[in-house]
Amino acid sequence: MLGQYRPFLGFEIGRNGPPGADYYTLPELVPLGALVTASYLRDKDEDDIQAVRAAIDPQQRRLNLALLIQHGARKLSRDLLVHDPRCPS
C-alpha cells in the first residue's frame, strides 16, 4: 500500500504516497476532468463540507462521486469566471 490513509471528515478519502506515485494508471476509467472537479474542495469551507457529507453513504461506506463532481464543477466554474479578466464585473 502507498502510505497512510488521508482522513476527511472522519472518512478515509485516499492515501498519501511518495512523490511521483501514479494513482491513476487507467485514465480512461478516471477522467481527469472529473477528478479535478470532484476534488475542488477546501477543508474549512462549509459548502464543501456539506457536499461531502451529502455524498457519503455511511451505511454502505460508499461515496457518490457524481454529487462531488457536480458540486466541484459549479464552484470551479464560478471561481474561474470571477478571475477571468474577460468577464464583466
PDB file of N, CA and C in Angstrom:
ATOM      1  N   MET A   1       0.842  -1.183   0.000  1.00  0.00           N
ATOM      2  CA  MET A   1       0.000   0.000   0.000  1.00  0.00           C
ATOM      3  C   MET A   1       0.883   1.240   0.000  1.00  0.00           C
ATOM      4  N   LEU A   2       0.337   2.327  -0.499  1.00  0.00           N
ATOM      5  CA  LEU A   2       1.114   3.541  -0.691  1.00  0.00           C
ATOM      6  C   LEU A   2       1.104   4.492   0.489  1.00  0.00           C
ATOM      7  N   GLY A   3       1.050   4.069   1.676  1.00  0.00           N
ATOM      8  CA  GLY A   3       1.127   5.010   2.774  1.00  0.00           C
ATOM      9  C   GLY A   3      -0.160   5.085   3.569  1.00  0.00           C
ATOM     10  N   GLN A   4      -0.164   6.022   4.497  1.00  0.00           N
ATOM     11  CA  GLN A   4      -1.292   6.168   5.411  1.00  0.00           C
ATOM     12  C   GLN A   4      -2.514   6.755   4.709  1.00  0.00           C
ATOM     13  N   TYR A   5      -3.680   6.362   5.184  1.00  0.00           N
ATOM     14  CA  TYR A   5      -4.907   6.948   4.671  1.00  0.00           C
ATOM     15  C   TYR A   5      -4.974   8.421   5.016  1.00  0.00           C
ATOM     16  N   ARG A   6      -5.592   9.213   4.141  1.00  0.00           N
ATOM     17  CA  ARG A   6      -5.833  10.630   4.411  1.00  0.00           C
ATOM     18  C   ARG A   6      -7.269  10.773   4.886  1.00  0.00           C
ATOM     19  N   PRO A   7      -7.473  11.255   6.092  1.00  0.00           N
ATOM     20  CA  PRO A   7      -8.839  11.431   6.582  1.00  0.00           C
ATOM     21  C   PRO A   7      -9.438  12.763   6.131  1.00  0.00           C
ATOM     22  N   PHE A   8     -10.750  12.776   5.918  1.00  0.00           N
ATOM     23  CA  PHE A   8     -11.511  13.997   5.652  1.00  0.00           C
ATOM     24  C   PHE A   8     -12.870  13.786   6.275  1.00  0.00           C
ATOM     25  N   LEU A   9     -13.211  14.597   7.269  1.00  0.00           N
ATOM     26  CA  LEU A   9     -14.473  14.470   7.991  1.00  0.00           C
ATOM     27  C   LEU A   9     -14.638  13.077   8.594  1.00  0.00           C
ATOM     28  N   GLY A  10     -13.538  12.485   9.010  1.00  0.00           N
ATOM     29  CA  GLY A  10     -13.617  11.183   9.647  1.00  0.00           C
ATOM     30  C   GLY A  10     -13.667  10.004   8.689  1.00  0.00           C
ATOM     31  N   PHE A  11     -13.634  10.253   7.384  1.00  0.00           N
ATOM     32  CA  PHE A  11     -13.644   9.187   6.395  1.00  0.00           C
ATOM     33  C   PHE A  11     -12.295   9.126   5.705  1.00  0.00           C
ATOM     34  N   GLU A  12     -11.931   7.943   5.274  1.00  0.00           N
ATOM     35  CA  GLU A  12     -10.670   7.771   4.570  1.00  0.00           C
ATOM     36  C   GLU A  12     -10.913   8.052   3.095  1.00  0.00           C
ATOM     37  N   ILE A  13     -10.283   9.113   2.569  1.00  0.00           N
ATOM     38  CA  ILE A  13     -10.572   9.529   1.196  1.00  0.00           C
ATOM     39  C   ILE A  13      -9.442   9.226   0.226  1.00  0.00           C
ATOM     40  N   GLY A  14      -8.370   8.681   0.674  1.00  0.00           N
ATOM     41  CA  GLY A  14      -7.260   8.381  -0.218  1.00  0.00           C
ATOM     42  C   GLY A  14      -6.039   8.037   0.597  1.00  0.00           C
ATOM     43  N   ARG A  15      -4.925   7.971  -0.069  1.00  0.00           N
ATOM     44  CA  ARG A  15      -3.681   7.636   0.608  1.00  0.00           C
ATOM     45  C   ARG A  15      -2.614   8.657   0.262  1.00  0.00           C
ATOM     46  N   ASN A  16      -1.723   8.852   1.189  1.00  0.00           N
ATOM     47  CA  ASN A  16      -0.522   9.628   0.918  1.00  0.00           C
ATOM     48  C   ASN A  16       0.493   8.671   0.306  1.00  0.00           C
ATOM     49  N   GLY A  17       1.234   9.161  -0.641  1.00  0.00           N
ATOM     50  CA  GLY A  17       2.229   8.307  -1.266  1.00  0.00           C
ATOM     51  C   GLY A  17       3.492   9.076  -1.562  1.00  0.00           C
ATOM     52  N   PRO A  18       4.459   8.390  -2.082  1.00  0.00           N
ATOM     53  CA  PRO A  18       5.720   9.050  -2.399  1.00  0.00           C
ATOM     54  C   PRO A  18       5.543  10.022  -3.562  1.00  0.00           C
ATOM     55  N   PRO A  19       6.400  11.034  -3.664  1.00  0.00           N
ATOM     56  CA  PRO A  19       6.322  11.950  -4.795  1.00  0.00           C
ATOM     57  C   PRO A  19       6.412  11.184  -6.111  1.00  0.00           C
ATOM     58  N   GLY A  20       5.548  11.530  -7.030  1.00  0.00           N
ATOM     59  CA  GLY A  20       5.547  10.883  -8.334  1.00  0.00           C
ATOM     60  C   GLY A  20       4.743   9.608  -8.398  1.00  0.00           C
ATOM     61  N   ALA A  21       4.114   9.210  -7.297  1.00  0.00           N
ATOM     62  CA  ALA A  21       3.301   7.995  -7.316  1.00  0.00           C
ATOM     63  C   ALA A  21       2.162   8.181  -8.306  1.00  0.00           C
ATOM     64  N   ASP A  22       1.932   7.187  -9.144  1.00  0.00           N
ATOM     65  CA  ASP A  22       0.881   7.265 -10.152  1.00  0.00           C
ATOM     66  C   ASP A  22      -0.337   6.508  -9.638  1.00  0.00           C
ATOM     67  N   TYR A  23      -1.286   7.252  -9.098  1.00  0.00           N
ATOM     68  CA  TYR A  23      -2.504   6.634  -8.580  1.00  0.00           C
ATOM     69  C   TYR A  23      -3.492   6.319  -9.695  1.00  0.00           C
ATOM     70  N   TYR A  24      -3.316   6.923 -10.847  1.00  0.00           N
ATOM     71  CA  TYR A  24      -4.313   6.853 -11.908  1.00  0.00           C
ATOM     72  C   TYR A  24      -3.703   6.213 -13.145  1.00  0.00           C
ATOM     73  N   THR A  25      -3.473   4.917 -13.065  1.00  0.00           N
ATOM     74  CA  THR A  25      -2.832   4.229 -14.164  1.00  0.00           C
ATOM     75  C   THR A  25      -3.796   3.957 -15.305  1.00  0.00           C
ATOM     76  N   LEU A  26      -5.086   4.073 -15.074  1.00  0.00           N
ATOM     77  CA  LEU A  26      -6.077   3.847 -16.113  1.00  0.00           C
ATOM     78  C   LEU A  26      -6.905   5.123 -16.314  1.00  0.00           C
ATOM     79  N   PRO A  27      -6.349   6.130 -16.997  1.00  0.00           N
ATOM     80  CA  PRO A  27      -7.047   7.412 -17.102  1.00  0.00           C
ATOM     81  C   PRO A  27      -8.403   7.302 -17.785  1.00  0.00           C
ATOM     82  N   GLU A  28      -8.589   6.325 -18.637  1.00  0.00           N
ATOM     83  CA  GLU A  28      -9.901   6.187 -19.270  1.00  0.00           C
ATOM     84  C   GLU A  28     -10.973   5.784 -18.260  1.00  0.00           C
ATOM     85  N   LEU A  29     -10.550   5.233 -17.131  1.00  0.00           N
ATOM     86  CA  LEU A  29     -11.511   4.872 -16.092  1.00  0.00           C
ATOM     87  C   LEU A  29     -11.702   5.998 -15.077  1.00  0.00           C
ATOM     88  N   VAL A  30     -10.747   6.913 -14.989  1.00  0.00           N
ATOM     89  CA  VAL A  30     -10.839   8.057 -14.092  1.00  0.00           C
ATOM     90  C   VAL A  30     -10.565   9.318 -14.917  1.00  0.00           C
ATOM     91  N   PRO A  31     -11.597   9.855 -15.575  1.00  0.00           N
ATOM     92  CA  PRO A  31     -11.372  11.065 -16.373  1.00  0.00           C
ATOM     93  C   PRO A  31     -10.802  12.179 -15.490  1.00  0.00           C
ATOM     94  N   LEU A  32      -9.705  12.760 -15.913  1.00  0.00           N
ATOM     95  CA  LEU A  32      -9.031  13.743 -15.078  1.00  0.00           C
ATOM     96  C   LEU A  32      -9.887  14.985 -14.833  1.00  0.00           C
ATOM     97  N   GLY A  33     -10.746  15.358 -15.777  1.00  0.00           N
ATOM     98  CA  GLY A  33     -11.653  16.485 -15.548  1.00  0.00           C
ATOM     99  C   GLY A  33     -12.592  16.211 -14.390  1.00  0.00           C
ATOM    100  N   ALA A  34     -13.099  14.994 -14.315  1.00  0.00           N
ATOM    101  CA  ALA A  34     -13.976  14.615 -13.207  1.00  0.00           C
ATOM    102  C   ALA A  34     -13.198  14.610 -11.896  1.00  0.00           C
ATOM    103  N   LEU A  35     -11.965  14.138 -11.951  1.00  0.00           N
ATOM    104  CA  LEU A  35     -11.132  14.117 -10.747  1.00  0.00           C
ATOM    105  C   LEU A  35     -10.867  15.536 -10.243  1.00  0.00           C
ATOM    106  N   VAL A  36     -10.569  16.450 -11.166  1.00  0.00           N
ATOM    107  CA  VAL A  36     -10.303  17.839 -10.775  1.00  0.00           C
ATOM    108  C   VAL A  36     -11.534  18.460 -10.136  1.00  0.00           C
ATOM    109  N   THR A  37     -12.694  18.307 -10.755  1.00  0.00           N
ATOM    110  CA  THR A  37     -13.883  18.952 -10.196  1.00  0.00           C
ATOM    111  C   THR A  37     -14.325  18.297  -8.895  1.00  0.00           C
ATOM    112  N   ALA A  38     -14.212  16.976  -8.800  1.00  0.00           N
ATOM    113  CA  ALA A  38     -14.616  16.297  -7.562  1.00  0.00           C
ATOM    114  C   ALA A  38     -13.704  16.653  -6.401  1.00  0.00           C
ATOM    115  N   SER A  39     -12.460  16.992  -6.694  1.00  0.00           N
ATOM    116  CA  SER A  39     -11.521  17.291  -5.617  1.00  0.00           C
ATOM    117  C   SER A  39     -11.354  18.788  -5.385  1.00  0.00           C
ATOM    118  N   TYR A  40     -12.195  19.601  -5.997  1.00  0.00           N
ATOM    119  CA  TYR A  40     -12.120  21.045  -5.803  1.00  0.00           C
ATOM    120  C   TYR A  40     -12.823  21.390  -4.492  1.00  0.00           C
ATOM    121  N   LEU A  41     -12.184  21.030  -3.393  1.00  0.00           N
ATOM    122  CA  LEU A  41     -12.747  21.162  -2.051  1.00  0.00           C
ATOM    123  C   LEU A  41     -11.765  21.903  -1.151  1.00  0.00           C
ATOM    124  N   ARG A  42     -12.307  22.607  -0.173  1.00  0.00           N
ATOM    125  CA  ARG A  42     -11.498  23.290   0.836  1.00  0.00           C
ATOM    126  C   ARG A  42     -11.916  22.762   2.201  1.00  0.00           C
ATOM    127  N   ASP A  43     -10.934  22.453   3.041  1.00  0.00           N
ATOM    128  CA  ASP A  43     -11.206  21.829   4.339  1.00  0.00           C
ATOM    129  C   ASP A  43     -12.173  22.611   5.212  1.00  0.00           C
ATOM    130  N   LYS A  44     -12.073  23.929   5.230  1.00  0.00           N
ATOM    131  CA  LYS A  44     -12.875  24.722   6.165  1.00  0.00           C
ATOM    132  C   LYS A  44     -14.071  25.412   5.500  1.00  0.00           C
ATOM    133  N   ASP A  45     -14.364  25.050   4.263  1.00  0.00           N
ATOM    134  CA  ASP A  45     -15.487  25.638   3.534  1.00  0.00           C
ATOM    135  C   ASP A  45     -16.760  24.866   3.879  1.00  0.00           C
ATOM    136  N   GLU A  46     -17.721  25.532   4.488  1.00  0.00           N
ATOM    137  CA  GLU A  46     -18.932  24.863   4.955  1.00  0.00           C
ATOM    138  C   GLU A  46     -19.724  24.231   3.807  1.00  0.00           C
ATOM    139  N   ASP A  47     -19.780  24.884   2.648  1.00  0.00           N
ATOM    140  CA  ASP A  47     -20.472  24.301   1.490  1.00  0.00           C
ATOM    141  C   ASP A  47     -19.807  22.999   1.055  1.00  0.00           C
ATOM    142  N   ASP A  48     -18.485  22.996   1.057  1.00  0.00           N
ATOM    143  CA  ASP A  48     -17.761  21.782   0.666  1.00  0.00           C
ATOM    144  C   ASP A  48     -17.987  20.666   1.676  1.00  0.00           C
ATOM    145  N   ILE A  49     -17.970  21.011   2.937  1.00  0.00           N
ATOM    146  CA  ILE A  49     -18.192  20.004   3.980  1.00  0.00           C
ATOM    147  C   ILE A  49     -19.587  19.401   3.831  1.00  0.00           C
ATOM    148  N   GLN A  50     -20.576  20.236   3.596  1.00  0.00           N
ATOM    149  CA  GLN A  50     -21.941  19.727   3.413  1.00  0.00           C
ATOM    150  C   GLN A  50     -22.050  18.855   2.165  1.00  0.00           C
ATOM    151  N   ALA A  51     -21.362  19.241   1.092  1.00  0.00           N
ATOM    152  CA  ALA A  51     -21.392  18.449  -0.146  1.00  0.00           C
ATOM    153  C   ALA A  51     -20.778  17.068   0.081  1.00  0.00           C
ATOM    154  N   VAL A  52     -19.678  17.016   0.816  1.00  0.00           N
ATOM    155  CA  VAL A  52     -19.044  15.726   1.104  1.00  0.00           C
ATOM    156  C   VAL A  52     -19.955  14.888   1.984  1.00  0.00           C
ATOM    157  N   ARG A  53     -20.541  15.503   2.985  1.00  0.00           N
ATOM    158  CA  ARG A  53     -21.467  14.750   3.862  1.00  0.00           C
ATOM    159  C   ARG A  53     -22.646  14.193   3.076  1.00  0.00           C
ATOM    160  N   ALA A  54     -23.166  14.988   2.138  1.00  0.00           N
ATOM    161  CA  ALA A  54     -24.302  14.533   1.330  1.00  0.00           C
ATOM    162  C   ALA A  54     -23.901  13.391   0.398  1.00  0.00           C
ATOM    163  N   ALA A  55     -22.652  13.379  -0.019  1.00  0.00           N
ATOM    164  CA  ALA A  55     -22.187  12.368  -0.963  1.00  0.00           C
ATOM    165  C   ALA A  55     -21.807  11.049  -0.287  1.00  0.00           C
ATOM    166  N   ILE A  56     -21.638  11.062   1.017  1.00  0.00           N
ATOM    167  CA  ILE A  56     -21.215   9.858   1.741  1.00  0.00           C
ATOM    168  C   ILE A  56     -22.434   9.078   2.217  1.00  0.00           C
ATOM    169  N   ASP A  57     -22.451   7.797   1.907  1.00  0.00           N
ATOM    170  CA  ASP A  57     -23.462   6.893   2.443  1.00  0.00           C
ATOM    171  C   ASP A  57     -22.792   6.086   3.555  1.00  0.00           C
ATOM    172  N   PRO A  58     -22.996   6.506   4.825  1.00  0.00           N
ATOM    173  CA  PRO A  58     -22.271   5.843   5.916  1.00  0.00           C
ATOM    174  C   PRO A  58     -22.669   4.381   6.118  1.00  0.00           C
ATOM    175  N   GLN A  59     -23.891   4.015   5.743  1.00  0.00           N
ATOM    176  CA  GLN A  59     -24.327   2.629   5.917  1.00  0.00           C
ATOM    177  C   GLN A  59     -23.524   1.686   5.037  1.00  0.00           C
ATOM    178  N   GLN A  60     -23.299   2.109   3.787  1.00  0.00           N
ATOM    179  CA  GLN A  60     -22.572   1.248   2.857  1.00  0.00           C
ATOM    180  C   GLN A  60     -21.110   1.650   2.713  1.00  0.00           C
ATOM    181  N   ARG A  61     -20.723   2.728   3.408  1.00  0.00           N
ATOM    182  CA  ARG A  61     -19.358   3.251   3.324  1.00  0.00           C
ATOM    183  C   ARG A  61     -18.968   3.494   1.870  1.00  0.00           C
ATOM    184  N   ARG A  62     -19.875   4.167   1.155  1.00  0.00           N
ATOM    185  CA  ARG A  62     -19.651   4.488  -0.249  1.00  0.00           C
ATOM    186  C   ARG A  62     -19.763   5.988  -0.453  1.00  0.00           C
ATOM    187  N   LEU A  63     -19.149   6.441  -1.525  1.00  0.00           N
ATOM    188  CA  LEU A  63     -19.142   7.850  -1.869  1.00  0.00           C
ATOM    189  C   LEU A  63     -19.819   8.027  -3.219  1.00  0.00           C
ATOM    190  N   ASN A  64     -20.804   8.925  -3.290  1.00  0.00           N
ATOM    191  CA  ASN A  64     -21.456   9.250  -4.557  1.00  0.00           C
ATOM    192  C   ASN A  64     -20.611  10.314  -5.240  1.00  0.00           C
ATOM    193  N   LEU A  65     -19.693   9.872  -6.066  1.00  0.00           N
ATOM    194  CA  LEU A  65     -18.747  10.780  -6.703  1.00  0.00           C
ATOM    195  C   LEU A  65     -19.444  11.765  -7.637  1.00  0.00           C
ATOM    196  N   ALA A  66     -20.559  11.365  -8.235  1.00  0.00           N
ATOM    197  CA  ALA A  66     -21.280  12.264  -9.149  1.00  0.00           C
ATOM    198  C   ALA A  66     -21.713  13.544  -8.429  1.00  0.00           C
ATOM    199  N   LEU A  67     -22.128  13.432  -7.169  1.00  0.00           N
ATOM    200  CA  LEU A  67     -22.517  14.629  -6.418  1.00  0.00           C
ATOM    201  C   LEU A  67     -21.332  15.561  -6.197  1.00  0.00           C
ATOM    202  N   LEU A  68     -20.165  14.987  -5.915  1.00  0.00           N
ATOM    203  CA  LEU A  68     -18.974  15.820  -5.712  1.00  0.00           C
ATOM    204  C   LEU A  68     -18.501  16.445  -7.021  1.00  0.00           C
ATOM    205  N   ILE A  69     -18.642  15.721  -8.123  1.00  0.00           N
ATOM    206  CA  ILE A  69     -18.277  16.278  -9.427  1.00  0.00           C
ATOM    207  C   ILE A  69     -19.167  17.474  -9.740  1.00  0.00           C
ATOM    208  N   GLN A  70     -20.468  17.342  -9.523  1.00  0.00           N
ATOM    209  CA  GLN A  70     -21.400  18.450  -9.784  1.00  0.00           C
ATOM    210  C   GLN A  70     -21.101  19.638  -8.883  1.00  0.00           C
ATOM    211  N   HIS A  71     -20.889  19.389  -7.620  1.00  0.00           N
ATOM    212  CA  HIS A  71     -20.586  20.460  -6.667  1.00  0.00           C
ATOM    213  C   HIS A  71     -19.297  21.176  -7.056  1.00  0.00           C
ATOM    214  N   GLY A  72     -18.254  20.399  -7.306  1.00  0.00           N
ATOM    215  CA  GLY A  72     -16.971  20.988  -7.672  1.00  0.00           C
ATOM    216  C   GLY A  72     -17.024  21.745  -8.983  1.00  0.00           C
ATOM    217  N   ALA A  73     -17.776  21.229  -9.939  1.00  0.00           N
ATOM    218  CA  ALA A  73     -17.890  21.910 -11.235  1.00  0.00           C
ATOM    219  C   ALA A  73     -18.557  23.273 -11.082  1.00  0.00           C
ATOM    220  N   ARG A  74     -19.587  23.350 -10.250  1.00  0.00           N
ATOM    221  CA  ARG A  74     -20.247  24.651 -10.008  1.00  0.00           C
ATOM    222  C   ARG A  74     -19.275  25.643  -9.383  1.00  0.00           C
ATOM    223  N   LYS A  75     -18.551  25.200  -8.359  1.00  0.00           N
ATOM    224  CA  LYS A  75     -17.628  26.110  -7.670  1.00  0.00           C
ATOM    225  C   LYS A  75     -16.443  26.490  -8.544  1.00  0.00           C
ATOM    226  N   LEU A  76     -15.900  25.526  -9.270  1.00  0.00           N
ATOM    227  CA  LEU A  76     -14.759  25.812 -10.137  1.00  0.00           C
ATOM    228  C   LEU A  76     -15.165  26.777 -11.247  1.00  0.00           C
ATOM    229  N   SER A  77     -16.322  26.563 -11.855  1.00  0.00           N
ATOM    230  CA  SER A  77     -16.800  27.477 -12.899  1.00  0.00           C
ATOM    231  C   SER A  77     -16.969  28.885 -12.352  1.00  0.00           C
ATOM    232  N   ARG A  78     -17.577  28.987 -11.188  1.00  0.00           N
ATOM    233  CA  ARG A  78     -17.779  30.303 -10.569  1.00  0.00           C
ATOM    234  C   ARG A  78     -16.440  30.980 -10.295  1.00  0.00           C
ATOM    235  N   ASP A  79     -15.508  30.240  -9.728  1.00  0.00           N
ATOM    236  CA  ASP A  79     -14.211  30.824  -9.388  1.00  0.00           C
ATOM    237  C   ASP A  79     -13.422  31.211 -10.630  1.00  0.00           C
ATOM    238  N   LEU A  80     -13.512  30.429 -11.676  1.00  0.00           N
ATOM    239  CA  LEU A  80     -12.819  30.781 -12.916  1.00  0.00           C
ATOM    240  C   LEU A  80     -13.421  32.041 -13.543  1.00  0.00           C
ATOM    241  N   LEU A  81     -14.737  32.169 -13.495  1.00  0.00           N
ATOM    242  CA  LEU A  81     -15.377  33.363 -14.046  1.00  0.00           C
ATOM    243  C   LEU A  81     -15.004  34.608 -13.269  1.00  0.00           C
ATOM    244  N   VAL A  82     -14.891  34.485 -11.958  1.00  0.00           N
ATOM    245  CA  VAL A  82     -14.519  35.615 -11.118  1.00  0.00           C
ATOM    246  C   VAL A  82     -13.118  36.110 -11.471  1.00  0.00           C
ATOM    247  N   HIS A  83     -12.226  35.194 -11.808  1.00  0.00           N
ATOM    248  CA  HIS A  83     -10.838  35.551 -12.076  1.00  0.00           C
ATOM    249  C   HIS A  83     -10.547  35.768 -13.557  1.00  0.00           C
ATOM    250  N   ASP A  84     -11.542  35.623 -14.425  1.00  0.00           N
ATOM    251  CA  ASP A  84     -11.334  35.806 -15.851  1.00  0.00           C
ATOM    252  C   ASP A  84     -11.449  37.294 -16.178  1.00  0.00           C
ATOM    253  N   PRO A  85     -10.376  37.925 -16.641  1.00  0.00           N
ATOM    254  CA  PRO A  85     -10.422  39.372 -16.920  1.00  0.00           C
ATOM    255  C   PRO A  85     -11.378  39.713 -18.062  1.00  0.00           C
ATOM    256  N   ARG A  86     -11.761  38.737 -18.864  1.00  0.00           N
ATOM    257  CA  ARG A  86     -12.688  38.997 -19.974  1.00  0.00           C
ATOM    258  C   ARG A  86     -14.128  39.099 -19.526  1.00  0.00           C
ATOM    259  N   CYS A  87     -14.420  38.594 -18.308  1.00  0.00           N
ATOM    260  CA  CYS A  87     -15.794  38.607 -17.822  1.00  0.00           C
ATOM    261  C   CYS A  87     -16.126  39.971 -17.212  1.00  0.00           C
ATOM    262  N   PRO A  88     -17.312  40.493 -17.526  1.00  0.00           N
ATOM    263  CA  PRO A  88     -17.700  41.777 -16.910  1.00  0.00           C
ATOM    264  C   PRO A  88     -17.910  41.619 -15.420  1.00  0.00           C
ATOM    265  N   SER A  89     -17.603  42.625 -14.683  1.00  0.00           N
ATOM    266  CA  SER A  89     -17.756  42.582 -13.218  1.00  0.00           C
ATOM    267  C   SER A  89     -19.195  42.764 -12.827  1.00  0.00           C
TER     268      SER A  89
END
